[in-house]
Amino acid sequence: MIQHQGQRATDRLVFDHEAERLVISTLFYDPRVIPDVVKELKQTEFHQEENASLYQAMVDFYYSDFNPVLNLKDLVAYLKKGKLLDVGSPIDQAGGVGYIGKIAGEGGQVSNIKYYTTRIKEAALKRNCQLLAERILIKCQDQKSTIQQIRLLVGDIQSASSQTEQSRIYDLREVMTEHVIDKAISGELESKPGFSSGIPEWDKLTGGLRPGSLNIIAARPSEGKSTLGPIFAESLVNETGLPVLIFSLEMMAESLAWREFSRITGRKQTDIRVQAADGLTAAEKDEFNRVREQMPEGKYLVCDKAGLDMQSLIGICRAQHTKTGLGGVVVDYLQLLKADNNYRSRHEEVGNISGQLKQLSKDLSLPVVALCQLNRSGEDGNPSMRDMSQSDKINMDSDTVTMIHRKADEKTKSKKLEDVGSRDTGGVVFHQVIEKLVLTVAKAREGQRGKIEVDHHMGLFRIESPQMKREVEDSERFEQFDEFNELGFD
């Protein structure tokens, strides 16, 4: 722990006691993460004495028996015996039995352990720099001090600032052994390292939505990017079991709700409004209530504040990640965000935004999906990476870039539509139209490029790929087979 020198410095020292408690709580919940945590986090980086002593006690106790189960009763007994290998503190130094029990129930989450650890390390670094800055100020006020003495202290601050980056230096052989060789030999290596996007063909090309990745979905206006974003969000919720935070900078939350309702029920908004005006039948009311029951509570979180800046977005993400954990973040769309500082050009500003989104994905270890507007120039042709609006740095920061465009009819060169029927509702005829879209994976940092043709059900905000269709057809056949067996035929 940093020794607090002087009242002037300690009055303003930075600390993060919440993160300290959450790390300890997480270690109680799943001690198996202790070996990974101790590689990154030192006891001296804790600010609160009780938390520092308790953290070290838990680490020492874990390695004394190498027991993957941290029993609160056994840990208390261990503390009472004063068997702290490095500290030698009695149980009172760790806050007492009541404090230990309270921290054990704080509710830290394993998925957030890296985030908690980073918060503690950042606070420790700031404290160290504060104390050094205080010493520099004292030296500057002392007329007997030399410039060389002050320069040495400034060098200490630079050295302290670099310690956090040095802790991220890894032995590539160890990383390869742990994440590639050992997992491959034990059969634990997954064929798809990322989470499913909801589109199997896309997952096959890219490897899925990986933690720490920035995934760009780019299209010209009204070409389906805002339809694809929620599909990715739904799949992340199903895969991770955690909430997904959607920043809707163009549409209000109510508009998203209407779109989602249409996608689930297969009914257009205009269709629903006409039916509701005429009065819903009992069956339709039951259907609508079932949609509400199917929608998981607290999993699709929407922020629809217009003109949001990056600092606010990052703050919202970090706060929600600490509170509930996050399975992913979706931004619709990137060019509507504002950077934190003034830039000479919009090109530089957008480049800064994409860089911060990439850093956010790495800091929180989750996939970020950012929708992006393409330039309107050359609308008659297929889009390319050069059409990425306002900044080529988006290409550099991203892990995957997927571009959407309408498939043109080869004869007429017009967009290819298919009228799949119509229905009469209250005297109004609604046409069901499918638009043919092409998803071009133009960049996949850890995958391969390729094209996927999909059906866009216009007005229903649905996208179906060939494999998704086959899975639906197979499911329907199995349901018919089950119904046949239930009739009792041999």
Protein backbone atom coordinates (compact mmCIF):
# COMPACT_ATOMS: atom_id res chain seq x y z
CA MET A 1 0.00 0.00 0.00
CA ILE A 2 1.25 3.49 -0.74
CA GLN A 3 2.34 5.32 2.39
CA HIS A 4 0.41 8.59 2.71
CA GLN A 5 2.96 11.32 3.27
CA GLY A 6 1.70 14.67 4.45
CA GLN A 7 -1.79 15.91 5.17
CA ARG A 8 -2.00 18.05 2.03
CA ALA A 9 -1.59 15.01 -0.25
CA THR A 10 -3.73 12.55 1.66
CA ASP A 11 -6.70 14.91 1.78
CA ARG A 12 -7.13 14.60 -1.97
CA LEU A 13 -5.91 11.08 -2.70
CA VAL A 14 -7.81 9.13 -5.34
CA PHE A 15 -9.21 5.73 -4.36
CA ASP A 16 -11.89 3.25 -5.46
CA HIS A 17 -13.09 1.34 -2.41
CA GLU A 18 -16.09 -0.03 -4.30
CA ALA A 19 -13.85 -1.77 -6.86
CA GLU A 20 -11.68 -3.13 -4.03
CA ARG A 21 -14.71 -4.68 -2.32
CA LEU A 22 -16.05 -6.09 -5.60
CA VAL A 23 -12.75 -7.82 -6.38
CA ILE A 24 -12.72 -9.47 -2.95
CA SER A 25 -16.40 -10.42 -3.27
CA THR A 26 -15.70 -12.02 -6.65
CA LEU A 27 -12.83 -14.05 -5.17
CA PHE A 28 -15.23 -15.36 -2.53
CA TYR A 29 -17.74 -16.28 -5.23
CA ASP A 30 -15.23 -18.07 -7.48
CA PRO A 31 -11.69 -18.52 -6.06
CA ARG A 32 -10.59 -20.16 -9.31
CA VAL A 33 -9.92 -16.69 -10.74
CA ILE A 34 -7.32 -15.93 -8.03
CA PRO A 35 -4.30 -17.11 -10.11
CA ASP A 36 -5.29 -14.73 -12.93
CA VAL A 37 -6.01 -11.83 -10.58
CA VAL A 38 -2.71 -12.04 -8.67
CA LYS A 39 -0.83 -11.74 -11.97
CA GLU A 40 -2.36 -8.27 -12.41
CA LEU A 41 -3.19 -6.93 -8.94
CA LYS A 42 -0.82 -6.35 -6.01
CA GLN A 43 -1.77 -5.88 -2.37
CA THR A 44 0.03 -2.54 -2.37
CA GLU A 45 -2.43 -1.21 -4.98
CA PHE A 46 -5.33 -1.34 -2.50
CA HIS A 47 -6.05 1.92 -0.68
CA GLN A 48 -8.13 0.71 2.28
CA GLU A 49 -6.04 -1.18 4.87
CA GLU A 50 -8.78 -3.71 5.62
CA ASN A 51 -9.27 -4.54 1.95
CA ALA A 52 -5.53 -4.90 1.37
CA SER A 53 -5.13 -7.26 4.34
CA LEU A 54 -8.20 -9.31 3.42
CA TYR A 55 -7.11 -9.63 -0.22
CA GLN A 56 -3.67 -10.89 0.76
CA ALA A 57 -5.17 -13.25 3.33
CA MET A 58 -7.46 -14.81 0.71
CA VAL A 59 -4.57 -15.28 -1.71
CA ASP A 60 -2.33 -16.82 0.96
CA PHE A 61 -5.13 -19.09 2.21
CA TYR A 62 -5.94 -20.22 -1.33
CA TYR A 63 -2.34 -21.21 -2.05
CA SER A 64 -1.75 -22.74 1.38
CA ASP A 65 -4.14 -25.60 0.60
CA PHE A 66 -4.67 -24.84 -3.12
CA ASN A 67 -8.36 -25.26 -2.40
CA PRO A 68 -10.73 -23.99 -5.14
CA VAL A 69 -13.39 -23.42 -2.44
CA LEU A 70 -12.97 -20.40 -0.15
CA ASN A 71 -15.06 -21.21 2.92
CA LEU A 72 -15.80 -18.09 4.98
CA LYS A 73 -15.61 -20.00 8.27
CA ASP A 74 -12.23 -21.54 7.43
CA LEU A 75 -10.85 -18.19 6.25
CA VAL A 76 -11.87 -16.51 9.53
CA ALA A 77 -10.21 -19.32 11.49
CA TYR A 78 -7.10 -18.89 9.33
CA LEU A 79 -7.03 -15.17 10.07
CA LYS A 80 -7.48 -15.68 13.81
CA LYS A 81 -4.41 -17.87 13.84
CA GLY A 82 -2.47 -15.00 12.28
CA LYS A 83 -1.13 -17.09 9.42
CA LEU A 84 -0.80 -14.36 6.85
CA LEU A 85 2.35 -15.29 4.97
CA ASP A 86 3.49 -11.75 4.14
CA VAL A 87 1.50 -9.44 6.37
CA GLY A 88 1.11 -11.28 9.65
CA SER A 89 -1.99 -9.21 10.52
CA PRO A 90 -4.64 -10.36 13.00
CA ILE A 91 -8.28 -10.63 11.95
CA ASP A 92 -8.97 -7.04 13.07
CA GLN A 93 -6.61 -5.81 10.37
CA ALA A 94 -8.93 -7.42 7.81
CA GLY A 95 -11.93 -5.53 9.20
CA GLY A 96 -13.29 -8.12 11.61
CA VAL A 97 -15.76 -10.98 11.08
CA GLY A 98 -18.69 -8.65 10.35
CA TYR A 99 -16.82 -6.71 7.67
CA ILE A 100 -15.55 -9.88 6.00
CA GLY A 101 -19.07 -11.35 5.90
CA LYS A 102 -20.46 -8.12 4.45
CA ILE A 103 -17.88 -8.01 1.64
CA ALA A 104 -18.45 -11.70 0.85
CA GLY A 105 -22.06 -10.79 -0.02
CA GLU A 106 -21.30 -7.70 -2.13
CA GLY A 107 -22.18 -9.52 -5.35
CA GLY A 108 -19.06 -9.21 -7.47
CA GLN A 109 -19.27 -10.90 -10.88
CA VAL A 110 -16.56 -13.03 -12.48
CA SER A 111 -17.34 -11.51 -15.90
CA ASN A 112 -16.39 -8.07 -14.49
CA ILE A 113 -13.21 -9.05 -12.61
CA LYS A 114 -10.91 -7.51 -15.23
CA TYR A 115 -12.84 -4.24 -15.07
CA TYR A 116 -12.69 -4.15 -11.24
CA THR A 117 -8.96 -4.85 -11.32
CA THR A 118 -8.33 -2.09 -13.87
CA ARG A 119 -10.22 0.42 -11.72
CA ILE A 120 -8.07 -0.40 -8.67
CA LYS A 121 -4.83 -0.17 -10.65
CA GLU A 122 -5.82 3.16 -12.20
CA ALA A 123 -6.68 4.63 -8.79
CA ALA A 124 -3.36 3.38 -7.36
CA LEU A 125 -1.44 4.95 -10.23
CA LYS A 126 -3.21 8.28 -9.73
CA ARG A 127 -2.45 8.21 -5.99
CA ASN A 128 1.20 7.55 -6.67
CA CYS A 129 1.35 10.45 -9.14
CA GLN A 130 -0.47 12.71 -6.63
CA LEU A 131 2.11 12.01 -3.93
CA LEU A 132 5.00 12.56 -6.33
CA ALA A 133 3.40 15.80 -7.56
CA GLU A 134 3.13 16.96 -3.93
CA ARG A 135 6.84 16.32 -3.47
CA ILE A 136 7.61 18.23 -6.69
CA LEU A 137 5.58 21.20 -5.43
CA ILE A 138 7.48 21.22 -2.14
CA LYS A 139 10.80 21.07 -3.99
CA CYS A 140 9.77 23.91 -6.31
CA GLN A 141 8.91 26.09 -3.30
CA ASP A 142 12.25 25.31 -1.68
CA GLN A 143 14.83 27.77 -3.01
CA LYS A 144 17.64 25.34 -2.13
CA SER A 145 16.32 22.67 -4.50
CA THR A 146 18.11 22.15 -7.78
CA ILE A 147 16.59 21.64 -11.22
CA GLN A 148 18.18 18.21 -11.32
CA GLN A 149 16.30 17.14 -8.15
CA ILE A 150 13.02 18.28 -9.67
CA ARG A 151 13.77 16.51 -12.94
CA LEU A 152 14.39 13.26 -11.04
CA LEU A 153 10.96 13.54 -9.41
CA VAL A 154 9.32 14.25 -12.77
CA GLY A 155 11.05 11.13 -14.07
CA ASP A 156 9.54 9.17 -11.16
CA ILE A 157 6.05 10.24 -12.30
CA GLN A 158 6.79 9.12 -15.85
CA SER A 159 8.09 5.81 -14.51
CA ALA A 160 4.98 5.34 -12.35
CA SER A 161 2.75 6.09 -15.34
CA SER A 162 4.46 3.40 -17.39
CA GLN A 163 4.01 0.68 -14.74
CA THR A 164 0.40 0.02 -15.77
CA GLU A 165 1.44 -0.54 -19.37
CA GLN A 166 4.35 -2.76 -18.31
CA SER A 167 1.93 -5.01 -16.45
CA ARG A 168 0.32 -5.79 -19.80
CA ILE A 169 3.51 -7.33 -21.23
CA TYR A 170 3.05 -11.08 -21.67
CA ASP A 171 5.31 -13.96 -22.58
CA LEU A 172 3.86 -15.12 -25.92
CA ARG A 173 4.94 -18.70 -25.21
CA GLU A 174 2.86 -18.75 -22.01
CA VAL A 175 -0.15 -17.23 -23.77
CA MET A 176 0.12 -19.78 -26.59
CA THR A 177 0.43 -22.63 -24.09
CA GLU A 178 -2.58 -21.53 -22.03
CA HIS A 179 -4.99 -20.43 -24.75
CA VAL A 180 -4.04 -22.61 -27.72
CA ILE A 181 -2.01 -25.74 -26.99
CA ASP A 182 -3.46 -26.80 -23.62
CA LYS A 183 -7.05 -26.15 -24.72
CA ALA A 184 -6.57 -27.97 -28.02
CA ILE A 185 -5.05 -31.02 -26.28
CA SER A 186 -7.75 -31.13 -23.59
CA GLY A 187 -10.55 -30.71 -26.14
CA GLU A 188 -11.66 -27.37 -24.65
CA LEU A 189 -10.82 -25.31 -27.75
CA GLU A 190 -14.06 -23.97 -29.23
CA SER A 191 -14.62 -23.98 -32.98
CA LYS A 192 -16.21 -20.53 -32.73
CA PRO A 193 -14.30 -18.28 -30.28
CA GLY A 194 -16.90 -15.52 -30.25
CA PHE A 195 -20.58 -15.25 -29.38
CA SER A 196 -23.15 -15.96 -32.09
CA SER A 197 -24.45 -12.97 -34.04
CA GLY A 198 -27.72 -14.71 -34.90
CA ILE A 199 -26.57 -15.21 -38.51
CA PRO A 200 -24.69 -18.54 -38.78
CA GLU A 201 -22.97 -17.71 -42.08
CA TRP A 202 -21.57 -14.48 -40.61
CA ASP A 203 -20.26 -16.38 -37.58
CA LYS A 204 -18.54 -18.90 -39.84
CA LEU A 205 -16.69 -16.15 -41.72
CA THR A 206 -15.71 -13.97 -38.75
CA GLY A 207 -15.57 -16.37 -35.79
CA GLY A 208 -18.49 -14.59 -34.10
CA LEU A 209 -18.70 -11.57 -31.83
CA ARG A 210 -15.53 -11.79 -29.76
CA PRO A 211 -15.01 -10.09 -26.39
CA GLY A 212 -12.83 -7.03 -26.91
CA SER A 213 -13.83 -6.60 -30.55
CA LEU A 214 -15.22 -3.61 -32.46
CA ASN A 215 -17.63 -4.76 -35.16
CA ILE A 216 -18.75 -2.25 -37.81
CA ILE A 217 -22.05 -2.68 -39.69
CA ALA A 218 -22.01 -0.16 -42.55
CA ALA A 219 -24.69 0.75 -45.07
CA ARG A 220 -26.22 3.67 -46.90
CA PRO A 221 -29.42 5.15 -45.45
CA SER A 222 -32.43 2.78 -45.35
CA GLU A 223 -30.51 -0.32 -46.38
CA GLY A 224 -31.00 -2.49 -43.30
CA LYS A 225 -28.22 -1.67 -40.82
CA SER A 226 -30.70 -0.68 -38.09
CA THR A 227 -32.41 -4.04 -38.61
CA LEU A 228 -29.20 -6.01 -38.22
CA GLY A 229 -28.13 -4.27 -34.99
CA PRO A 230 -31.03 -5.56 -32.84
CA ILE A 231 -30.57 -9.08 -34.27
CA PHE A 232 -26.97 -9.04 -33.01
CA ALA A 233 -28.19 -7.65 -29.66
CA GLU A 234 -30.79 -10.41 -29.24
CA SER A 235 -28.21 -13.10 -29.97
CA LEU A 236 -25.78 -11.61 -27.43
CA VAL A 237 -28.49 -11.63 -24.76
CA ASN A 238 -29.26 -15.29 -25.51
CA GLU A 239 -25.57 -16.29 -25.62
CA THR A 240 -24.29 -14.44 -22.55
CA GLY A 241 -27.42 -14.22 -20.39
CA LEU A 242 -26.40 -10.61 -19.68
CA PRO A 243 -28.04 -7.31 -20.66
CA VAL A 244 -27.06 -5.57 -23.89
CA LEU A 245 -26.90 -1.78 -23.94
CA ILE A 246 -28.26 -0.18 -27.12
CA PHE A 247 -27.48 3.47 -27.86
CA SER A 248 -30.18 4.62 -30.28
CA LEU A 249 -29.03 8.09 -31.31
CA GLU A 250 -31.45 8.42 -34.23
CA MET A 251 -34.63 6.65 -33.11
CA MET A 252 -36.53 6.93 -29.84
CA ALA A 253 -36.93 3.91 -27.57
CA GLU A 254 -40.62 3.74 -28.54
CA SER A 255 -39.68 3.32 -32.22
CA LEU A 256 -37.35 0.46 -31.32
CA ALA A 257 -40.13 -1.15 -29.29
CA TRP A 258 -42.47 -1.03 -32.29
CA ARG A 259 -39.81 -2.56 -34.53
CA GLU A 260 -39.10 -5.35 -32.08
CA PHE A 261 -42.81 -6.10 -31.68
CA SER A 262 -43.20 -6.31 -35.47
CA ARG A 263 -40.18 -8.58 -35.76
CA ILE A 264 -41.46 -10.97 -33.08
CA THR A 265 -45.08 -11.13 -34.23
CA GLY A 266 -44.55 -10.84 -38.00
CA ARG A 267 -47.03 -7.95 -38.12
CA LYS A 268 -46.39 -4.53 -39.60
CA GLN A 269 -46.93 -1.48 -37.41
CA THR A 270 -49.65 -0.15 -39.74
CA ASP A 271 -51.34 -3.56 -39.59
CA ILE A 272 -51.30 -3.54 -35.78
CA ARG A 273 -52.68 0.00 -35.52
CA VAL A 274 -55.60 -0.75 -37.85
CA GLN A 275 -56.44 -3.94 -35.96
CA ALA A 276 -56.20 -2.24 -32.57
CA ALA A 277 -58.48 0.59 -33.75
CA ASP A 278 -61.11 -1.98 -34.78
CA GLY A 279 -60.68 -3.90 -31.53
CA LEU A 280 -58.47 -6.95 -30.93
CA THR A 281 -59.98 -10.40 -30.68
CA ALA A 282 -59.43 -12.48 -27.55
CA ALA A 283 -56.87 -14.61 -29.44
CA GLU A 284 -54.97 -11.52 -30.58
CA LYS A 285 -54.91 -10.14 -27.03
CA ASP A 286 -53.47 -13.43 -25.81
CA GLU A 287 -50.85 -13.29 -28.55
CA PHE A 288 -49.84 -9.76 -27.59
CA ASN A 289 -49.57 -10.73 -23.92
CA ARG A 290 -47.37 -13.70 -24.85
CA VAL A 291 -44.94 -11.32 -26.58
CA ARG A 292 -44.60 -9.36 -23.34
CA GLU A 293 -43.94 -12.57 -21.42
CA GLN A 294 -41.34 -13.69 -23.97
CA MET A 295 -39.42 -10.40 -23.76
CA PRO A 296 -36.88 -10.85 -20.91
CA GLU A 297 -36.97 -8.09 -18.31
CA GLY A 298 -33.90 -5.91 -17.93
CA LYS A 299 -31.95 -7.48 -20.82
CA TYR A 300 -32.48 -4.96 -23.63
CA LEU A 301 -31.40 -1.58 -22.25
CA VAL A 302 -31.89 1.44 -24.50
CA CYS A 303 -30.40 4.93 -24.24
CA ASP A 304 -32.00 7.21 -26.83
CA LYS A 305 -30.41 10.51 -25.83
CA ALA A 306 -29.59 12.54 -28.93
CA GLY A 307 -26.22 14.27 -29.26
CA LEU A 308 -24.53 11.91 -26.79
CA ASP A 309 -20.76 12.45 -26.33
CA MET A 310 -18.21 9.69 -25.89
CA GLN A 311 -17.43 10.51 -22.28
CA SER A 312 -21.10 10.09 -21.35
CA LEU A 313 -21.42 6.86 -23.36
CA ILE A 314 -18.36 5.34 -21.71
CA GLY A 315 -19.60 6.40 -18.26
CA ILE A 316 -23.01 4.80 -18.86
CA CYS A 317 -21.39 1.56 -20.07
CA ARG A 318 -19.00 1.34 -17.12
CA ALA A 319 -21.75 2.04 -14.57
CA GLN A 320 -24.08 -0.58 -16.08
CA HIS A 321 -21.23 -3.08 -16.41
CA THR A 322 -20.50 -2.69 -12.71
CA LYS A 323 -24.17 -2.93 -11.74
CA THR A 324 -25.39 -5.90 -13.80
CA GLY A 325 -22.62 -6.93 -16.19
CA LEU A 326 -22.98 -6.44 -19.93
CA GLY A 327 -23.08 -8.93 -22.78
CA GLY A 328 -22.35 -6.28 -25.39
CA VAL A 329 -22.91 -2.73 -26.62
CA VAL A 330 -24.68 -1.62 -29.82
CA VAL A 331 -24.33 1.94 -31.17
CA ASP A 332 -26.76 3.24 -33.81
CA TYR A 333 -24.99 5.00 -35.32
CA LEU A 334 -21.33 5.98 -34.93
CA GLN A 335 -21.32 9.31 -36.80
CA LEU A 336 -24.03 10.71 -34.51
CA LEU A 337 -21.71 10.52 -31.50
CA LYS A 338 -19.71 13.53 -30.39
CA ALA A 339 -16.08 13.43 -29.29
CA ASP A 340 -14.98 14.86 -25.93
CA ASN A 341 -12.65 17.55 -27.32
CA ASN A 342 -12.61 20.00 -30.18
CA TYR A 343 -10.96 18.75 -33.36
CA ARG A 344 -9.81 20.55 -36.45
CA SER A 345 -12.03 18.39 -38.65
CA ARG A 346 -14.94 15.99 -38.41
CA HIS A 347 -12.61 13.39 -39.93
CA GLU A 348 -10.35 13.54 -36.84
CA GLU A 349 -13.34 13.57 -34.48
CA VAL A 350 -14.89 10.41 -35.94
CA GLY A 351 -11.48 8.75 -35.87
CA ASN A 352 -11.18 9.53 -32.17
CA ILE A 353 -14.66 8.12 -31.52
CA SER A 354 -13.89 4.81 -33.23
CA GLY A 355 -10.65 4.54 -31.26
CA GLN A 356 -12.48 5.06 -27.97
CA LEU A 357 -15.13 2.46 -28.89
CA LYS A 358 -12.37 -0.05 -29.56
CA GLN A 359 -10.74 0.77 -26.22
CA LEU A 360 -14.10 0.39 -24.46
CA SER A 361 -14.53 -3.10 -25.92
CA LYS A 362 -11.09 -4.10 -24.62
CA ASP A 363 -11.49 -2.51 -21.18
CA LEU A 364 -14.85 -4.20 -20.52
CA SER A 365 -13.93 -7.37 -22.48
CA LEU A 366 -17.13 -7.41 -24.53
CA PRO A 367 -18.12 -7.02 -28.18
CA VAL A 368 -19.12 -3.56 -29.40
CA VAL A 369 -21.30 -3.38 -32.51
CA ALA A 370 -21.26 0.06 -34.14
CA LEU A 371 -23.55 0.86 -37.05
CA CYS A 372 -21.99 3.23 -39.54
CA GLN A 373 -23.27 5.43 -42.35
CA LEU A 374 -21.74 5.02 -45.80
CA ASN A 375 -21.28 7.88 -48.21
CA ARG A 376 -24.04 8.34 -50.79
CA SER A 377 -21.51 8.75 -53.58
CA GLY A 378 -21.63 5.87 -56.03
CA GLU A 379 -24.99 4.62 -54.75
CA ASP A 380 -25.57 2.61 -57.92
CA GLY A 381 -22.53 0.40 -57.27
CA ASN A 382 -21.53 -1.96 -54.50
CA PRO A 383 -20.06 -0.21 -51.45
CA SER A 384 -16.38 -0.48 -50.58
CA MET A 385 -14.17 0.38 -47.61
CA ARG A 386 -13.50 3.77 -49.25
CA ASP A 387 -17.16 4.68 -48.74
CA MET A 388 -16.83 4.61 -44.94
CA SER A 389 -18.17 8.01 -44.03
CA GLN A 390 -15.73 10.63 -42.72
CA SER A 391 -12.89 8.49 -41.42
CA ASP A 392 -10.71 5.68 -42.69
CA LYS A 393 -9.53 5.23 -39.09
CA ILE A 394 -12.77 3.30 -38.50
CA ASN A 395 -11.31 0.63 -40.77
CA MET A 396 -8.11 0.56 -38.75
CA ASP A 397 -9.80 0.29 -35.33
CA SER A 398 -12.39 -2.32 -36.30
CA ASP A 399 -12.03 -6.09 -36.02
CA THR A 400 -14.81 -6.80 -38.51
CA VAL A 401 -16.44 -4.62 -41.15
CA THR A 402 -19.69 -5.78 -42.74
CA MET A 403 -21.26 -3.76 -45.52
CA ILE A 404 -24.89 -4.08 -46.54
CA HIS A 405 -26.30 -3.31 -49.97
CA ARG A 406 -29.36 -4.22 -51.97
CA LYS A 407 -28.96 -6.97 -54.51
CA ALA A 408 -29.72 -5.56 -57.94
CA ASP A 409 -31.68 -7.36 -60.64
CA GLU A 410 -29.15 -8.29 -63.32
CA LYS A 411 -31.45 -7.17 -66.14
CA THR A 412 -32.87 -3.94 -64.82
CA LYS A 413 -30.14 -3.02 -62.28
CA SER A 414 -32.94 -2.01 -59.92
CA LYS A 415 -33.25 -3.31 -56.38
CA LYS A 416 -34.53 -6.86 -56.29
CA LEU A 417 -37.86 -7.24 -54.49
CA GLU A 418 -40.18 -10.20 -54.11
CA ASP A 419 -43.88 -9.84 -53.33
CA VAL A 420 -44.69 -12.91 -51.25
CA GLY A 421 -48.39 -12.27 -50.92
CA SER A 422 -50.82 -9.91 -49.31
CA ARG A 423 -53.62 -9.94 -46.78
CA ASP A 424 -56.76 -7.88 -46.30
CA THR A 425 -57.17 -6.33 -42.86
CA GLY A 426 -60.13 -4.08 -42.27
CA GLY A 427 -60.43 -3.27 -45.96
CA VAL A 428 -56.75 -2.33 -46.24
CA VAL A 429 -54.45 -4.61 -48.28
CA PHE A 430 -50.97 -5.10 -46.81
CA HIS A 431 -48.28 -6.47 -49.14
CA GLN A 432 -45.54 -8.68 -47.70
CA VAL A 433 -42.36 -7.71 -49.55
CA ILE A 434 -38.93 -9.33 -49.27
CA GLU A 435 -35.88 -7.33 -50.28
CA LYS A 436 -32.74 -9.17 -51.32
CA LEU A 437 -29.67 -7.90 -49.45
CA VAL A 438 -25.99 -8.79 -49.63
CA LEU A 439 -23.84 -8.74 -46.49
CA THR A 440 -20.22 -8.29 -47.52
CA VAL A 441 -17.68 -9.11 -44.83
CA ALA A 442 -14.98 -6.72 -46.05
CA LYS A 443 -12.72 -7.19 -43.03
CA ALA A 444 -12.35 -9.98 -40.49
CA ARG A 445 -9.21 -9.61 -38.41
CA GLU A 446 -9.35 -13.23 -37.23
CA GLY A 447 -11.53 -14.70 -39.95
CA GLN A 448 -12.05 -14.47 -43.67
CA ARG A 449 -13.84 -12.17 -46.08
CA GLY A 450 -16.91 -13.25 -47.99
CA LYS A 451 -20.49 -12.47 -49.05
CA ILE A 452 -23.83 -13.64 -47.63
CA GLU A 453 -27.16 -13.21 -49.41
CA VAL A 454 -30.10 -12.68 -47.06
CA ASP A 455 -33.81 -11.89 -47.22
CA HIS A 456 -34.92 -8.62 -45.64
CA HIS A 457 -38.60 -8.77 -44.69
CA MET A 458 -39.47 -5.12 -45.15
CA GLY A 459 -41.71 -3.63 -42.50
CA LEU A 460 -41.16 -6.66 -40.24
CA PHE A 461 -37.50 -5.85 -39.54
CA ARG A 462 -36.44 -9.43 -40.05
CA ILE A 463 -33.35 -10.77 -41.79
CA GLU A 464 -33.10 -14.43 -42.79
CA SER A 465 -30.08 -16.21 -44.23
CA PRO A 466 -30.26 -19.55 -46.09
CA GLN A 467 -29.07 -21.48 -43.01
CA MET A 468 -31.56 -19.70 -40.77
CA LYS A 469 -34.34 -20.74 -43.16
CA ARG A 470 -33.18 -24.36 -43.10
CA GLU A 471 -33.13 -24.37 -39.31
CA VAL A 472 -36.70 -23.02 -39.20
CA GLU A 473 -37.86 -25.62 -41.73
CA ASP A 474 -36.15 -28.43 -39.79
CA SER A 475 -37.78 -27.24 -36.57
CA GLU A 476 -41.20 -27.21 -38.20
CA ARG A 477 -40.68 -30.74 -39.55
CA PHE A 478 -39.68 -31.99 -36.09
CA GLU A 479 -42.79 -30.38 -34.60
CA GLN A 480 -45.00 -32.13 -37.17
CA PHE A 481 -43.22 -35.42 -36.43
CA ASP A 482 -43.82 -34.98 -32.69
CA GLU A 483 -47.49 -34.21 -33.27
CA PHE A 484 -47.77 -37.36 -35.41
CA ASN A 485 -46.22 -39.50 -32.64
CA GLU A 486 -48.56 -38.03 -30.04
CA LEU A 487 -51.50 -39.44 -32.02
CA GLY A 488 -50.32 -42.90 -30.95
CA PHE A 489 -49.43 -44.35 -34.35
CA ASP A 490 -46.76 -47.03 -34.38
